[in-house]
Amino acid sequence: MSSKRTAFATLLGVAALALFADPVLAQGYDSTTEALIQSLNTQLLYMAIPITVLVEGILIYTVWKYRKNDEPKPTKENRRLEISWTIATALVLLVVGYASYGVMANGYVSNASGEYQPSQQAVEVEVVGQKYLWKFNYEGENVSTTGTLVIPKGQNVFLNVTSTDWLHAFHVPELGLKQDAIPGTHNTIKTKPTETGTYQLYCAEYCGVGHSKMLGEVKVVSQQEYQNWLDEQRGNSSS
């Protein structure tokens, strides 16, 4: 029974560690969205590795121990063992569900909660996909660009993604951003860039012969650079 108790205690320990592990947001990542997603992946990986090692270890041990058994006998019923692994499995699933819900329900990852309240400090951009380019309309700024989305570091950004023709998908892997672009519908992404830089934008939904060339860039700049850029765009549009 000692080995069974050890296995059960191991699963409980893994579940407890995952439950109390606090993700470090935006540290070493380019946006709050990416930080949340990667922290969840890390937590689940920390749970999966010891469980995998435990299960595979038991399997290898069993195969090795009974490798010369030419007349195997049916396994005897062991209610205590069955109850133990059922409880352990339930605990692991509860922890996975708890950790996943904490991330997937966050406004920086999913808008399922209907959170859409951009403040005066937030940047709001309509992202329009069409064959085969991306257009960006900055709400309240009278500024529109094509191909390059410029946003400020350290500010909340709301991207209202839509399409003028058929299905596209706005995808910036390095920032953890992905959202379908559907005609007649605006799907909102909320994020906050934490590092300056230029990031590749893809269309992640096959949309025709020009799909592979439907690329763009997301440029994250300082808040002062962003304000200077807006002023420059307004000057160009009025001239």
C-alpha atoms as a PDB file:
ATOM      1  CA  MET A   1       0.000   0.000   0.000  1.00  0.00           C
ATOM      2  CA  SER A   2       2.968   2.371   0.481  1.00  0.00           C
ATOM      3  CA  SER A   3       3.512   2.739  -3.272  1.00  0.00           C
ATOM      4  CA  LYS A   4      -0.171   3.492  -3.815  1.00  0.00           C
ATOM      5  CA  ARG A   5      -0.164   6.113  -1.088  1.00  0.00           C
ATOM      6  CA  THR A   6       2.975   7.638  -2.561  1.00  0.00           C
ATOM      7  CA  ALA A   7       1.363   7.909  -5.994  1.00  0.00           C
ATOM      8  CA  PHE A   8      -1.738   9.478  -4.533  1.00  0.00           C
ATOM      9  CA  ALA A   9       0.291  11.960  -2.482  1.00  0.00           C
ATOM     10  CA  THR A  10       2.301  12.877  -5.572  1.00  0.00           C
ATOM     11  CA  LEU A  11      -0.817  13.733  -7.555  1.00  0.00           C
ATOM     12  CA  LEU A  12      -2.165  15.794  -4.670  1.00  0.00           C
ATOM     13  CA  GLY A  13       1.131  17.639  -4.395  1.00  0.00           C
ATOM     14  CA  VAL A  14       1.163  18.460  -8.081  1.00  0.00           C
ATOM     15  CA  ALA A  15      -2.398  19.742  -7.915  1.00  0.00           C
ATOM     16  CA  ALA A  16      -1.619  21.897  -4.871  1.00  0.00           C
ATOM     17  CA  LEU A  17       1.467  23.391  -6.482  1.00  0.00           C
ATOM     18  CA  ALA A  18      -0.430  24.281  -9.638  1.00  0.00           C
ATOM     19  CA  LEU A  19      -3.264  25.776  -7.618  1.00  0.00           C
ATOM     20  CA  PHE A  20      -1.052  28.097  -5.609  1.00  0.00           C
ATOM     21  CA  ALA A  21       1.400  29.003  -8.337  1.00  0.00           C
ATOM     22  CA  ASP A  22       0.922  32.671  -9.185  1.00  0.00           C
ATOM     23  CA  PRO A  23       1.685  33.632 -12.779  1.00  0.00           C
ATOM     24  CA  VAL A  24       4.057  36.588 -13.243  1.00  0.00           C
ATOM     25  CA  LEU A  25       2.237  38.884 -15.635  1.00  0.00           C
ATOM     26  CA  ALA A  26       3.990  40.876 -18.353  1.00  0.00           C
ATOM     27  CA  GLN A  27       7.475  39.948 -17.105  1.00  0.00           C
ATOM     28  CA  GLY A  28       9.553  39.003 -20.115  1.00  0.00           C
ATOM     29  CA  TYR A  29       6.538  39.094 -22.448  1.00  0.00           C
ATOM     30  CA  ASP A  30       5.467  41.632 -25.056  1.00  0.00           C
ATOM     31  CA  SER A  31       1.862  42.087 -23.891  1.00  0.00           C
ATOM     32  CA  THR A  32      -0.421  41.268 -20.981  1.00  0.00           C
ATOM     33  CA  THR A  33      -2.341  38.914 -23.270  1.00  0.00           C
ATOM     34  CA  GLU A  34       0.740  36.886 -24.144  1.00  0.00           C
ATOM     35  CA  ALA A  35       1.824  36.799 -20.480  1.00  0.00           C
ATOM     36  CA  LEU A  36      -1.514  35.358 -19.352  1.00  0.00           C
ATOM     37  CA  ILE A  37      -1.590  32.688 -22.058  1.00  0.00           C
ATOM     38  CA  GLN A  38       2.033  31.625 -21.518  1.00  0.00           C
ATOM     39  CA  SER A  39       1.594  31.515 -17.729  1.00  0.00           C
ATOM     40  CA  LEU A  40      -1.333  29.124 -18.161  1.00  0.00           C
ATOM     41  CA  ASN A  41       0.692  26.945 -20.534  1.00  0.00           C
ATOM     42  CA  THR A  42       3.526  26.860 -17.997  1.00  0.00           C
ATOM     43  CA  GLN A  43       1.228  25.900 -15.117  1.00  0.00           C
ATOM     44  CA  LEU A  44      -0.315  23.069 -17.119  1.00  0.00           C
ATOM     45  CA  LEU A  45       3.128  21.887 -18.189  1.00  0.00           C
ATOM     46  CA  TYR A  46       4.296  21.795 -14.553  1.00  0.00           C
ATOM     47  CA  MET A  47       1.326  19.565 -13.799  1.00  0.00           C
ATOM     48  CA  ALA A  48       1.652  17.342 -16.862  1.00  0.00           C
ATOM     49  CA  ILE A  49       5.345  16.471 -16.525  1.00  0.00           C
ATOM     50  CA  PRO A  50       5.290  14.803 -13.065  1.00  0.00           C
ATOM     51  CA  ILE A  51       2.004  13.044 -13.820  1.00  0.00           C
ATOM     52  CA  THR A  52       3.458  11.723 -17.078  1.00  0.00           C
ATOM     53  CA  VAL A  53       6.647  10.571 -15.330  1.00  0.00           C
ATOM     54  CA  LEU A  54       4.586   8.848 -12.615  1.00  0.00           C
ATOM     55  CA  VAL A  55       2.270   7.029 -15.041  1.00  0.00           C
ATOM     56  CA  GLU A  56       5.066   5.994 -17.400  1.00  0.00           C
ATOM     57  CA  GLY A  57       7.189   4.900 -14.435  1.00  0.00           C
ATOM     58  CA  ILE A  58       4.427   2.628 -13.155  1.00  0.00           C
ATOM     59  CA  LEU A  59       3.896   1.248 -16.668  1.00  0.00           C
ATOM     60  CA  ILE A  60       7.593   0.506 -17.221  1.00  0.00           C
ATOM     61  CA  TYR A  61       7.917  -1.037 -13.749  1.00  0.00           C
ATOM     62  CA  THR A  62       4.901  -3.288 -14.351  1.00  0.00           C
ATOM     63  CA  VAL A  63       6.093  -4.432 -17.762  1.00  0.00           C
ATOM     64  CA  TRP A  64       9.568  -5.176 -16.395  1.00  0.00           C
ATOM     65  CA  LYS A  65       8.367  -6.960 -13.251  1.00  0.00           C
ATOM     66  CA  TYR A  66       5.943  -9.274 -15.051  1.00  0.00           C
ATOM     67  CA  ARG A  67       7.889  -9.707 -18.294  1.00  0.00           C
ATOM     68  CA  LYS A  68       8.445 -13.432 -17.623  1.00  0.00           C
ATOM     69  CA  ASN A  69       4.952 -14.176 -16.390  1.00  0.00           C
ATOM     70  CA  ASP A  70       3.675 -16.741 -18.907  1.00  0.00           C
ATOM     71  CA  GLU A  71       0.428 -17.308 -17.033  1.00  0.00           C
ATOM     72  CA  PRO A  72      -0.940 -13.922 -15.979  1.00  0.00           C
ATOM     73  CA  LYS A  73      -3.858 -13.866 -13.568  1.00  0.00           C
ATOM     74  CA  PRO A  74      -6.732 -11.381 -13.485  1.00  0.00           C
ATOM     75  CA  THR A  75      -6.110  -8.316 -11.327  1.00  0.00           C
ATOM     76  CA  LYS A  76      -7.931  -8.457  -8.039  1.00  0.00           C
ATOM     77  CA  GLU A  77     -10.396  -5.745  -7.178  1.00  0.00           C
ATOM     78  CA  ASN A  78      -8.904  -2.973  -5.048  1.00  0.00           C
ATOM     79  CA  ARG A  79     -11.515  -0.416  -4.089  1.00  0.00           C
ATOM     80  CA  ARG A  80      -9.072   1.747  -2.169  1.00  0.00           C
ATOM     81  CA  LEU A  81      -6.846   2.096  -5.203  1.00  0.00           C
ATOM     82  CA  GLU A  82      -9.782   2.824  -7.504  1.00  0.00           C
ATOM     83  CA  ILE A  83     -11.133   5.485  -5.146  1.00  0.00           C
ATOM     84  CA  SER A  84      -7.663   7.015  -4.810  1.00  0.00           C
ATOM     85  CA  TRP A  85      -7.018   7.449  -8.524  1.00  0.00           C
ATOM     86  CA  THR A  86     -10.578   8.659  -9.123  1.00  0.00           C
ATOM     87  CA  ILE A  87     -10.181  11.371  -6.485  1.00  0.00           C
ATOM     88  CA  ALA A  88      -6.717  12.272  -7.770  1.00  0.00           C
ATOM     89  CA  THR A  89      -8.001  12.585 -11.335  1.00  0.00           C
ATOM     90  CA  ALA A  90     -10.931  14.727 -10.200  1.00  0.00           C
ATOM     91  CA  LEU A  91      -8.577  17.037  -8.290  1.00  0.00           C
ATOM     92  CA  VAL A  92      -6.286  17.430 -11.281  1.00  0.00           C
ATOM     93  CA  LEU A  93      -9.249  18.272 -13.521  1.00  0.00           C
ATOM     94  CA  LEU A  94     -10.546  20.786 -10.982  1.00  0.00           C
ATOM     95  CA  VAL A  95      -7.168  22.502 -10.828  1.00  0.00           C
ATOM     96  CA  VAL A  96      -6.870  22.596 -14.625  1.00  0.00           C
ATOM     97  CA  GLY A  97     -10.383  24.008 -14.894  1.00  0.00           C
ATOM     98  CA  TYR A  98      -9.734  26.615 -12.209  1.00  0.00           C
ATOM     99  CA  ALA A  99      -6.455  27.763 -13.765  1.00  0.00           C
ATOM    100  CA  SER A 100      -7.917  27.819 -17.282  1.00  0.00           C
ATOM    101  CA  TYR A 101     -11.008  29.751 -16.250  1.00  0.00           C
ATOM    102  CA  GLY A 102      -8.888  32.349 -14.467  1.00  0.00           C
ATOM    103  CA  VAL A 103      -7.065  33.065 -17.727  1.00  0.00           C
ATOM    104  CA  MET A 104      -9.745  32.492 -20.355  1.00  0.00           C
ATOM    105  CA  ALA A 105     -12.254  34.696 -18.510  1.00  0.00           C
ATOM    106  CA  ASN A 106      -9.749  37.541 -18.237  1.00  0.00           C
ATOM    107  CA  GLY A 107     -10.621  40.573 -20.351  1.00  0.00           C
ATOM    108  CA  TYR A 108      -7.140  40.622 -21.890  1.00  0.00           C
ATOM    109  CA  VAL A 109      -7.670  37.126 -23.307  1.00  0.00           C
ATOM    110  CA  SER A 110     -11.381  36.776 -24.016  1.00  0.00           C
ATOM    111  CA  ASN A 111     -14.263  39.175 -24.433  1.00  0.00           C
ATOM    112  CA  ALA A 112     -16.777  36.457 -23.503  1.00  0.00           C
ATOM    113  CA  SER A 113     -17.746  38.439 -20.410  1.00  0.00           C
ATOM    114  CA  GLY A 114     -18.831  41.316 -22.621  1.00  0.00           C
ATOM    115  CA  GLU A 115     -16.216  43.637 -21.140  1.00  0.00           C
ATOM    116  CA  TYR A 116     -15.923  46.558 -23.494  1.00  0.00           C
ATOM    117  CA  GLN A 117     -15.458  49.865 -21.719  1.00  0.00           C
ATOM    118  CA  PRO A 118     -12.599  51.802 -23.301  1.00  0.00           C
ATOM    119  CA  SER A 119     -11.671  54.792 -21.159  1.00  0.00           C
ATOM    120  CA  GLN A 120     -10.280  58.105 -22.330  1.00  0.00           C
ATOM    121  CA  GLN A 121      -6.766  56.748 -21.821  1.00  0.00           C
ATOM    122  CA  ALA A 122      -7.433  53.661 -23.947  1.00  0.00           C
ATOM    123  CA  VAL A 123      -6.745  53.420 -27.668  1.00  0.00           C
ATOM    124  CA  GLU A 124      -9.601  52.152 -29.813  1.00  0.00           C
ATOM    125  CA  VAL A 125      -8.969  50.934 -33.350  1.00  0.00           C
ATOM    126  CA  GLU A 126     -11.292  49.363 -35.906  1.00  0.00           C
ATOM    127  CA  VAL A 127      -9.380  46.582 -37.682  1.00  0.00           C
ATOM    128  CA  VAL A 128     -10.864  45.859 -41.107  1.00  0.00           C
ATOM    129  CA  GLY A 129      -9.829  42.799 -43.092  1.00  0.00           C
ATOM    130  CA  GLN A 130     -10.429  42.682 -46.826  1.00  0.00           C
ATOM    131  CA  LYS A 131      -8.930  40.963 -49.846  1.00  0.00           C
ATOM    132  CA  TYR A 132      -5.950  41.017 -49.259  1.00  0.00           C
ATOM    133  CA  LEU A 133      -4.921  43.690 -46.775  1.00  0.00           C
ATOM    134  CA  TRP A 134      -5.569  45.134 -43.321  1.00  0.00           C
ATOM    135  CA  LYS A 135      -6.957  48.615 -42.707  1.00  0.00           C
ATOM    136  CA  PHE A 136      -6.902  50.396 -39.338  1.00  0.00           C
ATOM    137  CA  ASN A 137      -9.311  53.174 -38.393  1.00  0.00           C
ATOM    138  CA  TYR A 138      -8.422  55.022 -35.173  1.00  0.00           C
ATOM    139  CA  GLU A 139     -11.650  55.913 -33.371  1.00  0.00           C
ATOM    140  CA  GLY A 140     -11.961  59.623 -32.527  1.00  0.00           C
ATOM    141  CA  GLU A 141      -8.635  60.511 -34.150  1.00  0.00           C
ATOM    142  CA  ASN A 142      -9.629  60.878 -37.826  1.00  0.00           C
ATOM    143  CA  VAL A 143      -6.685  58.673 -38.743  1.00  0.00           C
ATOM    144  CA  SER A 144      -6.668  55.589 -40.992  1.00  0.00           C
ATOM    145  CA  THR A 145      -3.734  53.472 -42.108  1.00  0.00           C
ATOM    146  CA  THR A 146      -3.186  50.371 -44.200  1.00  0.00           C
ATOM    147  CA  GLY A 147      -0.750  47.555 -43.491  1.00  0.00           C
ATOM    148  CA  THR A 148       0.782  48.868 -40.252  1.00  0.00           C
ATOM    149  CA  LEU A 149      -1.003  49.190 -36.902  1.00  0.00           C
ATOM    150  CA  VAL A 150       0.739  51.610 -34.541  1.00  0.00           C
ATOM    151  CA  ILE A 151      -0.152  51.379 -30.835  1.00  0.00           C
ATOM    152  CA  PRO A 152       1.400  52.783 -27.641  1.00  0.00           C
ATOM    153  CA  LYS A 153       3.255  50.811 -24.991  1.00  0.00           C
ATOM    154  CA  GLY A 154       1.647  50.676 -21.540  1.00  0.00           C
ATOM    155  CA  GLN A 155      -1.892  51.649 -22.595  1.00  0.00           C
ATOM    156  CA  ASN A 156      -5.008  49.545 -22.940  1.00  0.00           C
ATOM    157  CA  VAL A 157      -5.807  48.924 -26.588  1.00  0.00           C
ATOM    158  CA  PHE A 158      -9.213  47.816 -27.896  1.00  0.00           C
ATOM    159  CA  LEU A 159      -9.200  46.305 -31.395  1.00  0.00           C
ATOM    160  CA  ASN A 160     -12.633  45.970 -33.020  1.00  0.00           C
ATOM    161  CA  VAL A 161     -12.045  43.359 -35.716  1.00  0.00           C
ATOM    162  CA  THR A 162     -14.352  43.045 -38.725  1.00  0.00           C
ATOM    163  CA  SER A 163     -14.321  42.298 -42.461  1.00  0.00           C
ATOM    164  CA  THR A 164     -15.752  43.840 -45.608  1.00  0.00           C
ATOM    165  CA  ASP A 165     -16.045  40.680 -47.723  1.00  0.00           C
ATOM    166  CA  TRP A 166     -15.604  37.228 -46.141  1.00  0.00           C
ATOM    167  CA  LEU A 167     -13.851  35.470 -43.276  1.00  0.00           C
ATOM    168  CA  HIS A 168     -10.377  36.571 -42.258  1.00  0.00           C
ATOM    169  CA  ALA A 169      -8.529  36.270 -38.938  1.00  0.00           C
ATOM    170  CA  PHE A 170      -6.339  38.883 -37.233  1.00  0.00           C
ATOM    171  CA  HIS A 171      -3.327  37.058 -35.753  1.00  0.00           C
ATOM    172  CA  VAL A 172      -0.211  38.479 -34.054  1.00  0.00           C
ATOM    173  CA  PRO A 173       1.478  35.459 -32.397  1.00  0.00           C
ATOM    174  CA  GLU A 174       4.194  37.383 -30.529  1.00  0.00           C
ATOM    175  CA  LEU A 175       1.560  39.514 -28.775  1.00  0.00           C
ATOM    176  CA  GLY A 176      -0.806  36.596 -28.137  1.00  0.00           C
ATOM    177  CA  LEU A 177      -3.550  38.158 -30.273  1.00  0.00           C
ATOM    178  CA  LYS A 178      -5.990  36.302 -32.503  1.00  0.00           C
ATOM    179  CA  GLN A 179      -9.558  37.140 -33.496  1.00  0.00           C
ATOM    180  CA  ASP A 180     -11.875  36.249 -36.380  1.00  0.00           C
ATOM    181  CA  ALA A 181     -12.831  38.992 -38.811  1.00  0.00           C
ATOM    182  CA  ILE A 182     -16.462  38.407 -39.819  1.00  0.00           C
ATOM    183  CA  PRO A 183     -18.503  40.608 -42.191  1.00  0.00           C
ATOM    184  CA  GLY A 184     -21.144  42.634 -40.348  1.00  0.00           C
ATOM    185  CA  THR A 185     -19.731  41.767 -36.915  1.00  0.00           C
ATOM    186  CA  HIS A 186     -17.177  43.435 -34.649  1.00  0.00           C
ATOM    187  CA  ASN A 187     -15.187  41.075 -32.403  1.00  0.00           C
ATOM    188  CA  THR A 188     -13.196  42.922 -29.766  1.00  0.00           C
ATOM    189  CA  ILE A 189      -9.678  42.214 -28.473  1.00  0.00           C
ATOM    190  CA  LYS A 190      -8.357  43.983 -25.388  1.00  0.00           C
ATOM    191  CA  THR A 191      -4.623  44.045 -24.756  1.00  0.00           C
ATOM    192  CA  LYS A 192      -1.833  46.142 -23.262  1.00  0.00           C
ATOM    193  CA  PRO A 193       1.596  46.091 -24.973  1.00  0.00           C
ATOM    194  CA  THR A 194       4.479  45.978 -22.511  1.00  0.00           C
ATOM    195  CA  GLU A 195       7.456  46.129 -24.893  1.00  0.00           C
ATOM    196  CA  THR A 196       8.225  48.315 -27.889  1.00  0.00           C
ATOM    197  CA  GLY A 197       8.992  46.649 -31.197  1.00  0.00           C
ATOM    198  CA  THR A 198       7.579  45.566 -34.543  1.00  0.00           C
ATOM    199  CA  TYR A 199       5.513  42.366 -34.735  1.00  0.00           C
ATOM    200  CA  GLN A 200       4.315  40.332 -37.711  1.00  0.00           C
ATOM    201  CA  LEU A 201       0.585  40.324 -38.464  1.00  0.00           C
ATOM    202  CA  TYR A 202      -0.948  37.388 -40.350  1.00  0.00           C
ATOM    203  CA  CYS A 203      -4.331  36.409 -41.683  1.00  0.00           C
ATOM    204  CA  ALA A 204      -5.004  33.072 -39.960  1.00  0.00           C
ATOM    205  CA  GLU A 205      -8.113  32.116 -41.955  1.00  0.00           C
ATOM    206  CA  TYR A 206      -7.756  30.902 -45.539  1.00  0.00           C
ATOM    207  CA  CYS A 207      -9.402  33.613 -47.618  1.00  0.00           C
ATOM    208  CA  GLY A 208      -8.512  32.983 -51.241  1.00  0.00           C
ATOM    209  CA  VAL A 209      -5.592  33.056 -53.654  1.00  0.00           C
ATOM    210  CA  GLY A 210      -3.994  36.070 -51.951  1.00  0.00           C
ATOM    211  CA  HIS A 211      -4.192  34.646 -48.434  1.00  0.00           C
ATOM    212  CA  SER A 212      -0.449  34.047 -48.043  1.00  0.00           C
ATOM    213  CA  LYS A 213       0.264  37.675 -48.911  1.00  0.00           C
ATOM    214  CA  MET A 214      -2.289  39.157 -46.498  1.00  0.00           C
ATOM    215  CA  LEU A 215       0.365  40.349 -44.088  1.00  0.00           C
ATOM    216  CA  GLY A 216       0.894  43.425 -41.976  1.00  0.00           C
ATOM    217  CA  GLU A 217       2.785  44.791 -38.997  1.00  0.00           C
ATOM    218  CA  VAL A 218       1.954  45.886 -35.479  1.00  0.00           C
ATOM    219  CA  LYS A 219       4.346  48.563 -34.293  1.00  0.00           C
ATOM    220  CA  VAL A 220       4.478  49.268 -30.549  1.00  0.00           C
ATOM    221  CA  VAL A 221       6.037  52.638 -29.694  1.00  0.00           C
ATOM    222  CA  SER A 222       6.338  54.853 -26.635  1.00  0.00           C
ATOM    223  CA  GLN A 223       3.348  56.993 -25.724  1.00  0.00           C
ATOM    224  CA  GLN A 224       5.144  60.159 -26.834  1.00  0.00           C
ATOM    225  CA  GLU A 225       6.096  58.588 -30.171  1.00  0.00           C
ATOM    226  CA  TYR A 226       2.518  57.463 -30.603  1.00  0.00           C
ATOM    227  CA  GLN A 227       1.174  60.973 -30.015  1.00  0.00           C
ATOM    228  CA  ASN A 228       3.738  62.422 -32.449  1.00  0.00           C
ATOM    229  CA  TRP A 229       2.728  59.797 -35.012  1.00  0.00           C
ATOM    230  CA  LEU A 230      -0.968  60.688 -34.658  1.00  0.00           C
ATOM    231  CA  ASP A 231      -0.192  64.381 -35.123  1.00  0.00           C
ATOM    232  CA  GLU A 232       1.859  63.572 -38.206  1.00  0.00           C
ATOM    233  CA  GLN A 233      -0.943  61.446 -39.693  1.00  0.00           C
ATOM    234  CA  ARG A 234      -3.500  64.197 -39.112  1.00  0.00           C
ATOM    235  CA  GLY A 235      -1.181  66.711 -40.788  1.00  0.00           C
ATOM    236  CA  ASN A 236      -0.718  64.458 -43.806  1.00  0.00           C
ATOM    237  CA  SER A 237      -4.473  63.891 -44.178  1.00  0.00           C
ATOM    238  CA  SER A 238      -5.289  67.604 -44.027  1.00  0.00           C
ATOM    239  CA  SER A 239      -2.595  68.679 -46.500  1.00  0.00           C
END
